[in-house]
Each structure stands twice: as C-alpha cells, then as structure tokens.
C-alpha cells in the first residue's frame, strides 16, 4: 500500500499519516452524508465489508471528550467505552462539541490528525484485519491503513467497545 493522492486528499489526517511515514491508501466516494445508514452506504460504495469500515464517534466520558472507533456494522457501547478509559459515565457528544474537539465536520471526523489528541479507543475487532478504513477527515474520503498504524497514530487502546 502506498500513499495515493487522487481526489485531492490533503487533510490533517493524511498529513499526520504521511509525516509518520505510514502506508495508506485513499478511497474517495460519492455518498450523501445526510442519509440514514451512511456508513453502510459508504462500505457498499467502496465494496468493502461493513465490519472493515470504521466510524469515528465522539463521546463525553466523565466530562472529557473521548473518541470511539467502531465498525459501521455495529454501534458504540458507551459503558464499554467508559470502562476502557477508566471512566464511569459516557454519553454521546453534541455534534458541535465533537466538531470543536476534533477540528473536523460531523460526517468527516477522522481519528487521525485531530485538533488535539483525545483519548481514543479502537474496537478490538480491528485487529482481525490486515487493513481497516476510517474517515480521512473529509466527507467523501476514507483512508485505509493497518490497524497497528491506526492505534499508533492516535495513541489508542484496543478494547471491545462495539455492540450489535
């Protein structure tokens, strides 16, 4: 895998991956971010299993923004997310708060290259794949990279935080 720069792929996420000398591939797509089942539609458009395409969700754990990265085929288990970072209570962040915390627009929030490094948990299922796809920091663009690189670039922990 090498850095593919088609589709105008310069975002803070791709810059972070490039600086870290991480191998990645960009996957542009045309899917309406406003539709229900957006992640599933993206997986289908790219021809990848829904379990291999991960969504980036921002929650608030004991008052602190925290990122959960889970397959689009499942949902974020807030209790498991809180427990994985040593917290007690978690709730989903308001969209505006997620945008402020990450520097990205909802629908294009990437776990990579955020405004400041937030505590991040990647669902343990990611380790079962050679590569996974996450948002590249813009609606309509996914970045494919090895799970070990995703964890290293985000300072994440791996934990079972997905349900469904």
N, C-alpha and C. Protein backbone atom coordinates (compact mmCIF):
# COMPACT_ATOMS: atom_id res chain seq x y z
N UNK A 1 0.85 -1.18 0.00
CA UNK A 1 0.00 0.00 0.00
C UNK A 1 0.89 1.23 0.00
N UNK A 2 0.52 2.21 -0.75
CA UNK A 2 1.27 3.45 -0.75
C UNK A 2 0.31 4.61 -0.73
N UNK A 3 0.85 5.77 -0.44
CA UNK A 3 0.00 6.95 -0.39
C UNK A 3 -0.52 7.28 -1.77
N UNK A 4 -1.81 7.25 -1.94
CA UNK A 4 -2.45 7.58 -3.20
C UNK A 4 -3.07 8.95 -3.03
N UNK A 5 -2.68 9.89 -3.85
CA UNK A 5 -3.13 11.27 -3.68
C UNK A 5 -4.23 11.67 -4.64
N UNK A 6 -5.05 10.71 -5.09
CA UNK A 6 -6.12 11.09 -6.00
C UNK A 6 -7.30 11.67 -5.23
N UNK A 7 -8.02 12.56 -5.88
CA UNK A 7 -9.20 13.13 -5.26
C UNK A 7 -8.90 14.25 -4.28
N UNK A 8 -7.73 14.88 -4.40
CA UNK A 8 -7.41 15.99 -3.51
C UNK A 8 -7.44 15.59 -2.06
N UNK A 9 -6.58 14.66 -1.69
CA UNK A 9 -6.66 14.04 -0.38
C UNK A 9 -5.86 14.68 0.73
N UNK A 10 -5.49 15.94 0.63
CA UNK A 10 -4.70 16.55 1.70
C UNK A 10 -5.64 17.04 2.81
N UNK A 11 -5.58 16.35 3.93
CA UNK A 11 -6.35 16.72 5.12
C UNK A 11 -5.41 16.58 6.31
N UNK A 12 -5.76 17.09 7.48
CA UNK A 12 -4.90 16.86 8.65
C UNK A 12 -4.63 15.37 8.90
N UNK A 13 -5.61 14.52 8.57
CA UNK A 13 -5.44 13.08 8.77
C UNK A 13 -4.36 12.52 7.83
N UNK A 14 -4.41 12.89 6.56
CA UNK A 14 -3.42 12.37 5.62
C UNK A 14 -2.05 12.98 5.87
N UNK A 15 -2.03 14.23 6.30
CA UNK A 15 -0.75 14.86 6.66
C UNK A 15 -0.11 14.11 7.83
N UNK A 16 -0.93 13.77 8.84
CA UNK A 16 -0.41 13.04 10.01
C UNK A 16 0.15 11.68 9.59
N UNK A 17 -0.58 10.97 8.72
CA UNK A 17 -0.12 9.65 8.27
C UNK A 17 1.16 9.77 7.44
N UNK A 18 1.22 10.79 6.59
CA UNK A 18 2.40 11.00 5.76
C UNK A 18 3.62 11.33 6.62
N UNK A 19 3.44 12.23 7.57
CA UNK A 19 4.55 12.60 8.47
C UNK A 19 5.08 11.42 9.25
N UNK A 20 4.18 10.51 9.63
CA UNK A 20 4.56 9.33 10.40
C UNK A 20 5.10 8.21 9.50
N UNK A 21 5.14 8.49 8.18
CA UNK A 21 5.63 7.50 7.21
C UNK A 21 4.84 6.19 7.26
N UNK A 22 3.53 6.35 7.42
CA UNK A 22 2.61 5.21 7.47
C UNK A 22 2.07 4.96 6.07
N UNK A 23 2.05 3.71 5.66
CA UNK A 23 1.48 3.34 4.37
C UNK A 23 -0.04 3.47 4.45
N UNK A 24 -0.62 4.13 3.45
CA UNK A 24 -2.08 4.26 3.41
C UNK A 24 -2.55 4.42 1.99
N UNK A 25 -3.83 4.16 1.79
CA UNK A 25 -4.48 4.35 0.50
C UNK A 25 -5.73 5.17 0.74
N UNK A 26 -5.97 6.14 -0.13
CA UNK A 26 -7.17 6.95 -0.04
C UNK A 26 -8.25 6.38 -0.94
N UNK A 27 -9.49 6.45 -0.45
CA UNK A 27 -10.64 5.96 -1.19
C UNK A 27 -11.71 7.03 -1.24
N UNK A 28 -11.74 7.82 -2.32
CA UNK A 28 -12.83 8.79 -2.46
C UNK A 28 -14.13 8.07 -2.80
N UNK A 29 -15.25 8.66 -2.43
CA UNK A 29 -16.55 8.07 -2.73
C UNK A 29 -17.60 9.16 -2.81
N UNK A 30 -18.68 8.83 -3.49
CA UNK A 30 -19.83 9.74 -3.60
C UNK A 30 -21.01 9.11 -2.89
N UNK A 31 -21.21 9.50 -1.65
CA UNK A 31 -22.34 9.04 -0.86
C UNK A 31 -22.87 10.25 -0.10
N UNK A 32 -24.18 10.41 -0.05
CA UNK A 32 -24.78 11.53 0.66
C UNK A 32 -24.63 11.34 2.16
N UNK A 33 -23.90 12.24 2.81
CA UNK A 33 -23.64 12.14 4.25
C UNK A 33 -24.90 12.32 5.08
N UNK A 34 -25.97 12.80 4.48
CA UNK A 34 -27.20 13.03 5.24
C UNK A 34 -28.13 11.83 5.30
N UNK A 35 -27.77 10.74 4.62
CA UNK A 35 -28.68 9.60 4.59
C UNK A 35 -28.55 8.74 5.83
N UNK A 36 -29.64 8.05 6.18
CA UNK A 36 -29.57 7.06 7.25
C UNK A 36 -28.69 5.92 6.75
N UNK A 37 -27.94 5.33 7.64
CA UNK A 37 -27.07 4.24 7.24
C UNK A 37 -25.91 4.68 6.38
N UNK A 38 -25.42 5.89 6.65
CA UNK A 38 -24.33 6.47 5.86
C UNK A 38 -23.12 5.54 5.80
N UNK A 39 -22.68 5.02 6.92
CA UNK A 39 -21.51 4.15 6.95
C UNK A 39 -21.70 2.91 6.11
N UNK A 40 -22.87 2.29 6.20
CA UNK A 40 -23.16 1.10 5.40
C UNK A 40 -23.15 1.45 3.92
N UNK A 41 -23.69 2.60 3.56
CA UNK A 41 -23.71 3.03 2.16
C UNK A 41 -22.29 3.27 1.65
N UNK A 42 -21.43 3.82 2.49
CA UNK A 42 -20.02 4.04 2.10
C UNK A 42 -19.34 2.70 1.89
N UNK A 43 -19.52 1.77 2.82
CA UNK A 43 -18.91 0.44 2.68
C UNK A 43 -19.36 -0.21 1.38
N UNK A 44 -20.66 -0.13 1.09
CA UNK A 44 -21.19 -0.72 -0.13
C UNK A 44 -20.60 -0.03 -1.37
N UNK A 45 -20.50 1.30 -1.33
CA UNK A 45 -19.96 2.04 -2.48
C UNK A 45 -18.50 1.68 -2.73
N UNK A 46 -17.76 1.42 -1.67
CA UNK A 46 -16.34 1.08 -1.80
C UNK A 46 -16.11 -0.42 -1.99
N UNK A 47 -17.16 -1.21 -1.81
CA UNK A 47 -17.03 -2.65 -1.98
C UNK A 47 -16.23 -3.32 -0.88
N UNK A 48 -16.33 -2.79 0.34
CA UNK A 48 -15.63 -3.40 1.48
C UNK A 48 -16.65 -3.89 2.50
N UNK A 49 -16.32 -4.95 3.23
CA UNK A 49 -17.25 -5.42 4.27
C UNK A 49 -17.50 -4.33 5.31
N UNK A 50 -18.72 -4.25 5.78
CA UNK A 50 -19.09 -3.23 6.77
C UNK A 50 -18.30 -3.38 8.06
N UNK A 51 -17.83 -4.58 8.35
CA UNK A 51 -17.04 -4.82 9.56
C UNK A 51 -15.64 -4.23 9.45
N UNK A 52 -15.20 -3.89 8.22
CA UNK A 52 -13.85 -3.39 7.99
C UNK A 52 -13.80 -1.86 7.84
N UNK A 53 -14.97 -1.24 7.71
CA UNK A 53 -15.07 0.21 7.63
C UNK A 53 -15.49 0.72 9.01
N UNK A 54 -14.68 1.58 9.59
CA UNK A 54 -14.91 2.04 10.97
C UNK A 54 -15.36 3.49 10.99
N UNK A 55 -16.30 3.77 11.89
CA UNK A 55 -16.78 5.14 12.08
C UNK A 55 -16.14 5.71 13.34
N UNK A 56 -15.95 7.01 13.32
CA UNK A 56 -15.33 7.72 14.43
C UNK A 56 -16.41 8.49 15.17
N UNK A 57 -16.62 8.14 16.43
CA UNK A 57 -17.66 8.77 17.23
C UNK A 57 -17.03 9.46 18.44
N UNK A 58 -17.57 10.62 18.76
CA UNK A 58 -17.06 11.36 19.91
C UNK A 58 -18.09 11.28 21.03
N UNK A 59 -17.64 10.83 22.18
CA UNK A 59 -18.47 10.75 23.37
C UNK A 59 -17.84 11.61 24.45
N UNK A 60 -18.56 11.81 25.51
CA UNK A 60 -18.04 12.52 26.68
C UNK A 60 -18.01 11.51 27.82
N UNK A 61 -16.80 11.21 28.30
CA UNK A 61 -16.62 10.27 29.40
C UNK A 61 -16.20 11.06 30.62
N UNK A 62 -17.02 11.03 31.63
CA UNK A 62 -16.76 11.78 32.87
C UNK A 62 -16.34 13.22 32.57
N UNK A 63 -17.05 13.84 31.61
CA UNK A 63 -16.82 15.24 31.28
C UNK A 63 -15.74 15.50 30.25
N UNK A 64 -15.02 14.47 29.80
CA UNK A 64 -13.92 14.65 28.84
C UNK A 64 -14.27 14.05 27.48
N UNK A 65 -14.03 14.81 26.39
CA UNK A 65 -14.26 14.23 25.06
C UNK A 65 -13.36 13.00 24.86
N UNK A 66 -13.95 11.95 24.33
CA UNK A 66 -13.26 10.69 24.11
C UNK A 66 -13.74 10.11 22.79
N UNK A 67 -12.83 9.55 22.02
CA UNK A 67 -13.14 9.04 20.70
C UNK A 67 -13.29 7.52 20.74
N UNK A 68 -14.37 7.04 20.14
CA UNK A 68 -14.59 5.61 19.95
C UNK A 68 -14.60 5.32 18.46
N UNK A 69 -13.85 4.31 18.04
CA UNK A 69 -13.76 3.94 16.62
C UNK A 69 -14.31 2.52 16.51
N UNK A 70 -15.48 2.39 15.87
CA UNK A 70 -16.18 1.10 15.81
C UNK A 70 -16.61 0.80 14.38
N UNK A 71 -16.81 -0.49 14.07
CA UNK A 71 -17.26 -0.83 12.71
C UNK A 71 -18.63 -0.22 12.42
N UNK A 72 -18.85 0.14 11.15
CA UNK A 72 -20.15 0.70 10.78
C UNK A 72 -21.25 -0.34 10.90
N UNK A 73 -20.87 -1.61 11.00
CA UNK A 73 -21.87 -2.67 11.15
C UNK A 73 -22.41 -2.76 12.57
N UNK A 74 -21.82 -2.02 13.50
CA UNK A 74 -22.25 -2.07 14.89
C UNK A 74 -22.49 -0.70 15.46
N UNK A 75 -22.63 -0.66 16.77
CA UNK A 75 -22.86 0.59 17.49
C UNK A 75 -21.84 0.71 18.61
N UNK A 76 -21.65 1.91 19.09
CA UNK A 76 -20.73 2.15 20.20
C UNK A 76 -21.41 1.79 21.51
N UNK A 77 -20.75 0.95 22.29
CA UNK A 77 -21.22 0.60 23.63
C UNK A 77 -20.61 1.62 24.59
N UNK A 78 -21.43 2.57 25.03
CA UNK A 78 -20.92 3.67 25.86
C UNK A 78 -20.35 3.19 27.19
N UNK A 79 -20.96 2.19 27.80
CA UNK A 79 -20.43 1.64 29.06
C UNK A 79 -19.05 1.04 28.86
N UNK A 80 -18.89 0.30 27.77
CA UNK A 80 -17.59 -0.32 27.47
C UNK A 80 -16.54 0.75 27.15
N UNK A 81 -16.95 1.80 26.45
CA UNK A 81 -16.02 2.89 26.15
C UNK A 81 -15.53 3.52 27.44
N UNK A 82 -16.46 3.86 28.33
CA UNK A 82 -16.09 4.48 29.60
C UNK A 82 -15.14 3.58 30.38
N UNK A 83 -15.48 2.31 30.47
CA UNK A 83 -14.65 1.37 31.23
C UNK A 83 -13.25 1.25 30.63
N UNK A 84 -13.15 1.30 29.31
CA UNK A 84 -11.85 1.11 28.65
C UNK A 84 -10.88 2.27 28.89
N UNK A 85 -11.41 3.43 29.30
CA UNK A 85 -10.54 4.57 29.62
C UNK A 85 -10.56 4.89 31.12
N UNK A 86 -11.09 3.95 31.90
CA UNK A 86 -11.11 4.13 33.35
C UNK A 86 -12.18 5.08 33.84
N UNK A 87 -13.20 5.29 33.03
CA UNK A 87 -14.28 6.21 33.41
C UNK A 87 -15.49 5.47 33.92
N UNK A 88 -16.46 6.27 34.38
CA UNK A 88 -17.69 5.70 34.93
C UNK A 88 -18.89 5.93 34.01
N UNK A 89 -19.03 7.16 33.49
CA UNK A 89 -20.22 7.53 32.71
C UNK A 89 -19.82 8.07 31.35
N UNK A 90 -20.58 7.67 30.33
CA UNK A 90 -20.34 8.19 28.98
C UNK A 90 -21.66 8.50 28.31
N UNK A 91 -21.64 9.53 27.50
CA UNK A 91 -22.78 9.88 26.65
C UNK A 91 -22.22 10.44 25.35
N UNK A 92 -23.02 10.37 24.32
CA UNK A 92 -22.56 10.90 23.04
C UNK A 92 -22.39 12.42 23.15
N UNK A 93 -21.36 12.94 22.49
CA UNK A 93 -21.13 14.38 22.46
C UNK A 93 -22.11 15.03 21.50
N UNK A 94 -22.47 16.25 21.79
CA UNK A 94 -23.29 17.03 20.85
C UNK A 94 -22.44 17.26 19.60
N UNK A 95 -23.07 17.30 18.42
CA UNK A 95 -22.30 17.47 17.18
C UNK A 95 -21.35 18.67 17.19
N UNK A 96 -21.81 19.81 17.70
CA UNK A 96 -20.96 21.00 17.72
C UNK A 96 -19.76 20.80 18.64
N UNK A 97 -19.96 20.11 19.74
CA UNK A 97 -18.86 19.84 20.67
C UNK A 97 -17.86 18.88 20.03
N UNK A 98 -18.35 17.90 19.27
CA UNK A 98 -17.46 16.97 18.58
C UNK A 98 -16.63 17.71 17.54
N UNK A 99 -17.25 18.63 16.83
CA UNK A 99 -16.52 19.41 15.83
C UNK A 99 -15.46 20.30 16.46
N UNK A 100 -15.81 20.95 17.57
CA UNK A 100 -14.84 21.80 18.27
C UNK A 100 -13.67 20.98 18.79
N UNK A 101 -13.95 19.83 19.35
CA UNK A 101 -12.90 19.00 19.96
C UNK A 101 -11.96 18.40 18.93
N UNK A 102 -12.49 18.05 17.75
CA UNK A 102 -11.67 17.35 16.76
C UNK A 102 -11.13 18.24 15.65
N UNK A 103 -11.82 19.33 15.37
CA UNK A 103 -11.43 20.18 14.25
C UNK A 103 -12.00 19.70 12.92
N UNK A 104 -12.84 18.70 12.97
CA UNK A 104 -13.47 18.16 11.76
C UNK A 104 -14.97 18.40 11.80
N UNK A 105 -15.60 18.29 10.61
CA UNK A 105 -17.05 18.42 10.48
C UNK A 105 -17.69 17.05 10.66
N UNK A 106 -18.81 17.00 11.38
CA UNK A 106 -19.53 15.75 11.56
C UNK A 106 -19.80 15.14 10.17
N UNK A 107 -19.58 13.85 10.06
CA UNK A 107 -19.68 13.17 8.78
C UNK A 107 -18.32 13.00 8.14
N UNK A 108 -17.33 13.71 8.67
CA UNK A 108 -15.96 13.62 8.16
C UNK A 108 -14.95 13.60 9.29
N UNK A 109 -15.38 13.24 10.50
CA UNK A 109 -14.46 13.22 11.64
C UNK A 109 -13.54 12.02 11.51
N UNK A 110 -12.26 12.30 11.51
CA UNK A 110 -11.25 11.24 11.43
C UNK A 110 -10.63 11.06 12.81
N UNK A 111 -10.22 9.83 13.13
CA UNK A 111 -9.49 9.64 14.38
C UNK A 111 -8.06 10.18 14.27
N UNK A 112 -7.61 10.44 13.05
CA UNK A 112 -6.24 10.90 12.79
C UNK A 112 -6.19 12.42 12.63
N UNK A 113 -5.12 13.03 13.09
CA UNK A 113 -4.89 14.45 12.83
C UNK A 113 -5.89 15.39 13.46
N UNK A 114 -6.42 15.02 14.60
CA UNK A 114 -7.39 15.88 15.28
C UNK A 114 -6.70 17.12 15.86
N UNK A 115 -7.50 18.12 16.12
CA UNK A 115 -7.01 19.40 16.66
C UNK A 115 -6.11 19.17 17.87
N UNK A 116 -6.54 18.31 18.77
CA UNK A 116 -5.70 17.88 19.89
C UNK A 116 -5.96 16.40 20.09
N UNK A 117 -4.97 15.69 20.57
CA UNK A 117 -5.11 14.25 20.74
C UNK A 117 -6.07 13.96 21.89
N UNK A 118 -7.16 13.32 21.55
CA UNK A 118 -8.16 12.94 22.54
C UNK A 118 -7.95 11.48 22.92
N UNK A 119 -8.36 11.11 24.14
CA UNK A 119 -8.32 9.68 24.46
C UNK A 119 -9.12 8.93 23.39
N UNK A 120 -8.53 7.88 22.85
CA UNK A 120 -9.14 7.15 21.74
C UNK A 120 -9.13 5.66 22.02
N UNK A 121 -10.25 5.01 21.69
CA UNK A 121 -10.37 3.57 21.83
C UNK A 121 -10.83 3.02 20.48
N UNK A 122 -10.09 2.07 19.95
CA UNK A 122 -10.44 1.40 18.70
C UNK A 122 -11.01 0.03 19.08
N UNK A 123 -12.15 -0.32 18.48
CA UNK A 123 -12.74 -1.61 18.79
C UNK A 123 -11.75 -2.72 18.46
N UNK A 124 -11.68 -3.70 19.35
CA UNK A 124 -10.72 -4.79 19.24
C UNK A 124 -10.87 -5.58 17.94
N UNK A 125 -12.05 -5.54 17.33
CA UNK A 125 -12.25 -6.29 16.09
C UNK A 125 -11.34 -5.81 14.97
N UNK A 126 -10.84 -4.57 15.06
CA UNK A 126 -9.94 -4.04 14.02
C UNK A 126 -8.70 -4.89 13.86
N UNK A 127 -8.24 -5.47 14.96
CA UNK A 127 -7.00 -6.25 14.90
C UNK A 127 -7.16 -7.53 14.09
N UNK A 128 -8.36 -7.89 13.72
CA UNK A 128 -8.59 -9.08 12.91
C UNK A 128 -8.43 -8.84 11.41
N UNK A 129 -8.10 -7.62 11.01
CA UNK A 129 -7.95 -7.29 9.59
C UNK A 129 -6.53 -6.82 9.30
N UNK A 130 -6.08 -7.05 8.07
CA UNK A 130 -4.78 -6.52 7.65
C UNK A 130 -4.84 -5.00 7.55
N UNK A 131 -5.96 -4.49 7.03
CA UNK A 131 -6.18 -3.05 6.94
C UNK A 131 -7.63 -2.75 7.28
N UNK A 132 -7.86 -1.53 7.74
CA UNK A 132 -9.20 -1.03 8.00
C UNK A 132 -9.33 0.34 7.34
N UNK A 133 -10.55 0.80 7.20
CA UNK A 133 -10.81 2.11 6.62
C UNK A 133 -11.50 2.99 7.65
N UNK A 134 -11.05 4.24 7.74
CA UNK A 134 -11.67 5.25 8.59
C UNK A 134 -11.77 6.54 7.79
N UNK A 135 -12.51 7.49 8.28
CA UNK A 135 -12.60 8.77 7.60
C UNK A 135 -11.21 9.40 7.48
N UNK A 136 -10.97 9.98 6.31
CA UNK A 136 -9.70 10.67 6.08
C UNK A 136 -9.80 12.15 6.46
N UNK A 137 -10.90 12.54 7.11
CA UNK A 137 -11.01 13.91 7.59
C UNK A 137 -11.87 14.81 6.73
N UNK A 138 -12.59 14.20 5.82
CA UNK A 138 -13.48 14.97 4.96
C UNK A 138 -14.58 14.04 4.47
N UNK A 139 -15.78 14.57 4.37
CA UNK A 139 -16.87 13.77 3.80
C UNK A 139 -16.47 13.35 2.40
N UNK A 140 -16.70 12.07 2.09
CA UNK A 140 -16.39 11.58 0.76
C UNK A 140 -14.98 11.05 0.59
N UNK A 141 -14.25 10.86 1.71
CA UNK A 141 -12.87 10.36 1.60
C UNK A 141 -12.55 9.47 2.79
N UNK A 142 -12.14 8.24 2.48
CA UNK A 142 -11.73 7.27 3.51
C UNK A 142 -10.24 7.00 3.36
N UNK A 143 -9.59 6.67 4.46
CA UNK A 143 -8.19 6.29 4.44
C UNK A 143 -8.08 4.84 4.93
N UNK A 144 -7.33 4.05 4.18
CA UNK A 144 -7.12 2.64 4.52
C UNK A 144 -5.70 2.49 5.06
N UNK A 145 -5.59 1.87 6.22
CA UNK A 145 -4.28 1.67 6.84
C UNK A 145 -4.33 0.46 7.76
N UNK A 146 -3.17 0.01 8.17
CA UNK A 146 -3.10 -1.13 9.08
C UNK A 146 -3.62 -0.72 10.46
N UNK A 147 -4.35 -1.62 11.13
CA UNK A 147 -4.85 -1.29 12.47
C UNK A 147 -3.74 -0.89 13.44
N UNK A 148 -2.59 -1.53 13.35
CA UNK A 148 -1.48 -1.19 14.24
C UNK A 148 -1.05 0.27 14.03
N UNK A 149 -1.10 0.74 12.78
CA UNK A 149 -0.75 2.13 12.49
C UNK A 149 -1.83 3.08 12.99
N UNK A 150 -3.09 2.69 12.86
CA UNK A 150 -4.20 3.49 13.39
C UNK A 150 -4.04 3.68 14.89
N UNK A 151 -3.74 2.60 15.58
CA UNK A 151 -3.56 2.65 17.04
C UNK A 151 -2.36 3.52 17.40
N UNK A 152 -1.26 3.34 16.68
CA UNK A 152 -0.05 4.11 16.98
C UNK A 152 -0.25 5.60 16.73
N UNK A 153 -0.87 5.95 15.61
CA UNK A 153 -1.05 7.37 15.27
C UNK A 153 -2.02 8.09 16.20
N UNK A 154 -2.95 7.38 16.77
CA UNK A 154 -3.95 8.01 17.63
C UNK A 154 -3.63 7.85 19.12
N UNK A 155 -2.64 7.00 19.43
CA UNK A 155 -2.36 6.71 20.84
C UNK A 155 -3.49 5.93 21.47
N UNK A 156 -4.22 5.17 20.65
CA UNK A 156 -5.42 4.48 21.10
C UNK A 156 -5.11 3.21 21.89
N UNK A 157 -6.13 2.74 22.57
CA UNK A 157 -6.12 1.41 23.14
C UNK A 157 -7.12 0.59 22.35
N UNK A 158 -6.86 -0.71 22.28
CA UNK A 158 -7.80 -1.64 21.66
C UNK A 158 -8.67 -2.23 22.75
N UNK A 159 -9.98 -2.22 22.57
CA UNK A 159 -10.90 -2.79 23.54
C UNK A 159 -12.21 -3.13 22.83
N UNK A 160 -12.95 -4.09 23.37
CA UNK A 160 -14.25 -4.44 22.77
C UNK A 160 -15.30 -3.39 23.14
N UNK A 161 -15.47 -2.39 22.26
CA UNK A 161 -16.40 -1.28 22.55
C UNK A 161 -17.59 -1.24 21.59
N UNK A 162 -17.67 -2.21 20.67
CA UNK A 162 -18.79 -2.24 19.73
C UNK A 162 -19.81 -3.26 20.18
N UNK A 163 -21.06 -2.99 19.87
CA UNK A 163 -22.12 -3.97 20.10
C UNK A 163 -22.97 -4.05 18.85
N UNK A 164 -23.70 -5.15 18.74
CA UNK A 164 -24.59 -5.30 17.59
C UNK A 164 -23.89 -5.87 16.46
